[in-house]
């Protein structure tokens, strides 16, 4: 079954700073365009050039940052990195979590990002 949702291109162009465009068959963080980081002409061209292709338009969310240790030449420095946490739910139950960090706004290992450990703490059981 294929679901086709139609959108108003003008609204997508006007609201570019609130949106992200992702080509649906791409991997490794490629062909992702953040509206507020894309100039107006490029954004308009992307919308009209891709009008007959499959892609996803989603709401942009500000990217949180975290300080992480960076070791260079034996020195430890704490630097800010963008991070994301993805949770997996299977059959309505929690099944796992992964977190990634990056200097870039597209947080993907294929774009130079890193996976980072996720630790569960139980306090006062």
C-alpha atoms as a PDB file:
ATOM      1  CA  UNK A   1       0.000   0.000   0.000  1.00  0.00           C
ATOM      2  CA  UNK A   2       1.337   3.439  -0.895  1.00  0.00           C
ATOM      3  CA  UNK A   3       0.198   6.507   0.983  1.00  0.00           C
ATOM      4  CA  UNK A   4       0.449   9.800  -0.881  1.00  0.00           C
ATOM      5  CA  UNK A   5       0.121  13.014   1.061  1.00  0.00           C
ATOM      6  CA  UNK A   6      -0.057  16.219  -0.880  1.00  0.00           C
ATOM      7  CA  UNK A   7       1.222  19.501   0.446  1.00  0.00           C
ATOM      8  CA  UNK A   8       1.043  23.146  -0.449  1.00  0.00           C
ATOM      9  CA  UNK A   9       4.483  24.043  -1.852  1.00  0.00           C
ATOM     10  CA  UNK A  10       3.933  27.717  -1.067  1.00  0.00           C
ATOM     11  CA  UNK A  11       3.397  26.945   2.636  1.00  0.00           C
ATOM     12  CA  UNK A  12       6.521  24.794   2.701  1.00  0.00           C
ATOM     13  CA  UNK A  13       8.544  27.596   1.137  1.00  0.00           C
ATOM     14  CA  UNK A  14       7.120  30.313   3.423  1.00  0.00           C
ATOM     15  CA  UNK A  15       7.737  28.180   6.548  1.00  0.00           C
ATOM     16  CA  UNK A  16      11.201  26.928   5.558  1.00  0.00           C
ATOM     17  CA  UNK A  17      12.801  28.016   8.844  1.00  0.00           C
ATOM     18  CA  UNK A  18      10.489  25.607  10.705  1.00  0.00           C
ATOM     19  CA  UNK A  19      11.052  22.610   8.422  1.00  0.00           C
ATOM     20  CA  UNK A  20      13.501  19.910   7.342  1.00  0.00           C
ATOM     21  CA  UNK A  21      13.453  18.174   3.943  1.00  0.00           C
ATOM     22  CA  UNK A  22      14.728  14.575   3.711  1.00  0.00           C
ATOM     23  CA  UNK A  23      14.931  12.499   0.552  1.00  0.00           C
ATOM     24  CA  UNK A  24      13.341   9.199   1.611  1.00  0.00           C
ATOM     25  CA  UNK A  25      15.739   6.677   0.031  1.00  0.00           C
ATOM     26  CA  UNK A  26      18.979   8.199   1.244  1.00  0.00           C
ATOM     27  CA  UNK A  27      21.172   6.918   4.040  1.00  0.00           C
ATOM     28  CA  UNK A  28      24.113   8.081   6.119  1.00  0.00           C
ATOM     29  CA  UNK A  29      22.648  11.571   6.598  1.00  0.00           C
ATOM     30  CA  UNK A  30      22.858  12.574   2.950  1.00  0.00           C
ATOM     31  CA  UNK A  31      20.307  14.758   1.160  1.00  0.00           C
ATOM     32  CA  UNK A  32      18.924  16.294   4.338  1.00  0.00           C
ATOM     33  CA  UNK A  33      18.213  20.012   4.145  1.00  0.00           C
ATOM     34  CA  UNK A  34      17.527  22.134   7.214  1.00  0.00           C
ATOM     35  CA  UNK A  35      15.340  25.060   6.174  1.00  0.00           C
ATOM     36  CA  UNK A  36      16.827  27.641   8.519  1.00  0.00           C
ATOM     37  CA  UNK A  37      20.333  26.685   7.314  1.00  0.00           C
ATOM     38  CA  UNK A  38      19.398  26.781   3.607  1.00  0.00           C
ATOM     39  CA  UNK A  39      19.078  30.015   1.615  1.00  0.00           C
ATOM     40  CA  UNK A  40      15.610  30.835   0.252  1.00  0.00           C
ATOM     41  CA  UNK A  41      16.434  30.298  -3.429  1.00  0.00           C
ATOM     42  CA  UNK A  42      18.028  26.884  -2.826  1.00  0.00           C
ATOM     43  CA  UNK A  43      15.068  25.832  -0.626  1.00  0.00           C
ATOM     44  CA  UNK A  44      12.525  26.870  -3.284  1.00  0.00           C
ATOM     45  CA  UNK A  45      14.488  25.019  -5.968  1.00  0.00           C
ATOM     46  CA  UNK A  46      14.616  21.885  -3.798  1.00  0.00           C
ATOM     47  CA  UNK A  47      10.846  21.918  -3.266  1.00  0.00           C
ATOM     48  CA  UNK A  48       9.976  22.395  -6.926  1.00  0.00           C
ATOM     49  CA  UNK A  49      12.708  20.079  -8.289  1.00  0.00           C
ATOM     50  CA  UNK A  50      11.566  17.251  -6.010  1.00  0.00           C
ATOM     51  CA  UNK A  51       7.809  17.663  -6.451  1.00  0.00           C
ATOM     52  CA  UNK A  52       7.544  14.282  -8.202  1.00  0.00           C
ATOM     53  CA  UNK A  53       9.947  12.453  -5.867  1.00  0.00           C
ATOM     54  CA  UNK A  54       9.420  10.794  -2.518  1.00  0.00           C
ATOM     55  CA  UNK A  55      10.697  12.808   0.390  1.00  0.00           C
ATOM     56  CA  UNK A  56       9.766  13.713   3.918  1.00  0.00           C
ATOM     57  CA  UNK A  57       9.030  17.183   5.241  1.00  0.00           C
ATOM     58  CA  UNK A  58       9.155  17.380   9.003  1.00  0.00           C
ATOM     59  CA  UNK A  59       9.167  20.033  11.690  1.00  0.00           C
ATOM     60  CA  UNK A  60      12.591  21.315  12.730  1.00  0.00           C
ATOM     61  CA  UNK A  61      13.501  20.985  16.390  1.00  0.00           C
ATOM     62  CA  UNK A  62      16.325  22.933  17.986  1.00  0.00           C
ATOM     63  CA  UNK A  63      19.327  20.691  18.506  1.00  0.00           C
ATOM     64  CA  UNK A  64      20.395  20.198  22.122  1.00  0.00           C
ATOM     65  CA  UNK A  65      24.075  20.250  23.072  1.00  0.00           C
ATOM     66  CA  UNK A  66      26.116  18.384  25.639  1.00  0.00           C
ATOM     67  CA  UNK A  67      29.694  18.765  26.852  1.00  0.00           C
ATOM     68  CA  UNK A  68      31.850  15.743  26.081  1.00  0.00           C
ATOM     69  CA  UNK A  69      35.516  15.002  26.752  1.00  0.00           C
ATOM     70  CA  UNK A  70      37.852  15.407  23.782  1.00  0.00           C
ATOM     71  CA  UNK A  71      41.355  13.984  24.088  1.00  0.00           C
ATOM     72  CA  UNK A  72      44.043  15.457  21.846  1.00  0.00           C
ATOM     73  CA  UNK A  73      47.784  15.073  22.339  1.00  0.00           C
ATOM     74  CA  UNK A  74      47.199  13.650  25.822  1.00  0.00           C
ATOM     75  CA  UNK A  75      45.139  16.660  26.914  1.00  0.00           C
ATOM     76  CA  UNK A  76      41.493  16.420  27.934  1.00  0.00           C
ATOM     77  CA  UNK A  77      39.186  19.256  26.990  1.00  0.00           C
ATOM     78  CA  UNK A  78      35.395  19.423  27.365  1.00  0.00           C
ATOM     79  CA  UNK A  79      33.696  20.624  24.184  1.00  0.00           C
ATOM     80  CA  UNK A  80      30.063  21.175  23.217  1.00  0.00           C
ATOM     81  CA  UNK A  81      28.561  18.820  20.661  1.00  0.00           C
ATOM     82  CA  UNK A  82      25.080  18.466  19.186  1.00  0.00           C
ATOM     83  CA  UNK A  83      23.367  15.293  20.332  1.00  0.00           C
ATOM     84  CA  UNK A  84      20.345  13.175  19.656  1.00  0.00           C
ATOM     85  CA  UNK A  85      18.766  10.248  21.466  1.00  0.00           C
ATOM     86  CA  UNK A  86      16.669   7.677  19.615  1.00  0.00           C
ATOM     87  CA  UNK A  87      14.475   5.207  21.482  1.00  0.00           C
ATOM     88  CA  UNK A  88      13.132   1.984  20.047  1.00  0.00           C
ATOM     89  CA  UNK A  89       9.698   0.644  20.909  1.00  0.00           C
ATOM     90  CA  UNK A  90       8.642  -2.850  19.799  1.00  0.00           C
ATOM     91  CA  UNK A  91       5.215  -4.241  20.543  1.00  0.00           C
ATOM     92  CA  UNK A  92       4.479  -1.225  22.708  1.00  0.00           C
ATOM     93  CA  UNK A  93       7.491  -1.883  24.970  1.00  0.00           C
ATOM     94  CA  UNK A  94      10.824  -0.150  25.327  1.00  0.00           C
ATOM     95  CA  UNK A  95      13.437  -2.109  23.350  1.00  0.00           C
ATOM     96  CA  UNK A  96      16.553   0.026  23.332  1.00  0.00           C
ATOM     97  CA  UNK A  97      18.209   3.381  22.925  1.00  0.00           C
ATOM     98  CA  UNK A  98      21.058   4.869  20.925  1.00  0.00           C
ATOM     99  CA  UNK A  99      22.664   8.289  21.148  1.00  0.00           C
ATOM    100  CA  UNK A 100      24.862  10.133  18.685  1.00  0.00           C
ATOM    101  CA  UNK A 101      26.913  13.341  18.863  1.00  0.00           C
ATOM    102  CA  UNK A 102      28.313  15.602  16.178  1.00  0.00           C
ATOM    103  CA  UNK A 103      29.767  19.027  15.486  1.00  0.00           C
ATOM    104  CA  UNK A 104      27.337  19.239  12.569  1.00  0.00           C
ATOM    105  CA  UNK A 105      23.594  19.882  12.644  1.00  0.00           C
ATOM    106  CA  UNK A 106      22.973  16.577  10.856  1.00  0.00           C
ATOM    107  CA  UNK A 107      23.860  14.097  13.577  1.00  0.00           C
ATOM    108  CA  UNK A 108      24.855  10.976  11.687  1.00  0.00           C
ATOM    109  CA  UNK A 109      27.881   8.683  11.815  1.00  0.00           C
ATOM    110  CA  UNK A 110      28.051   8.879   8.009  1.00  0.00           C
ATOM    111  CA  UNK A 111      28.446  12.663   8.303  1.00  0.00           C
ATOM    112  CA  UNK A 112      31.292  12.584  10.832  1.00  0.00           C
ATOM    113  CA  UNK A 113      29.232  12.011  13.970  1.00  0.00           C
ATOM    114  CA  UNK A 114      29.875   9.468  16.697  1.00  0.00           C
ATOM    115  CA  UNK A 115      27.805   7.081  18.748  1.00  0.00           C
ATOM    116  CA  UNK A 116      28.051   7.681  22.463  1.00  0.00           C
ATOM    117  CA  UNK A 117      27.285   5.440  25.415  1.00  0.00           C
ATOM    118  CA  UNK A 118      23.891   5.550  27.054  1.00  0.00           C
ATOM    119  CA  UNK A 119      23.855   4.583  30.716  1.00  0.00           C
ATOM    120  CA  UNK A 120      20.750   3.684  32.696  1.00  0.00           C
ATOM    121  CA  UNK A 121      20.860   4.667  36.354  1.00  0.00           C
ATOM    122  CA  UNK A 122      18.466   3.278  38.941  1.00  0.00           C
ATOM    123  CA  UNK A 123      18.347   5.378  42.078  1.00  0.00           C
ATOM    124  CA  UNK A 124      16.659   4.330  45.284  1.00  0.00           C
ATOM    125  CA  UNK A 125      15.097   1.037  44.282  1.00  0.00           C
END
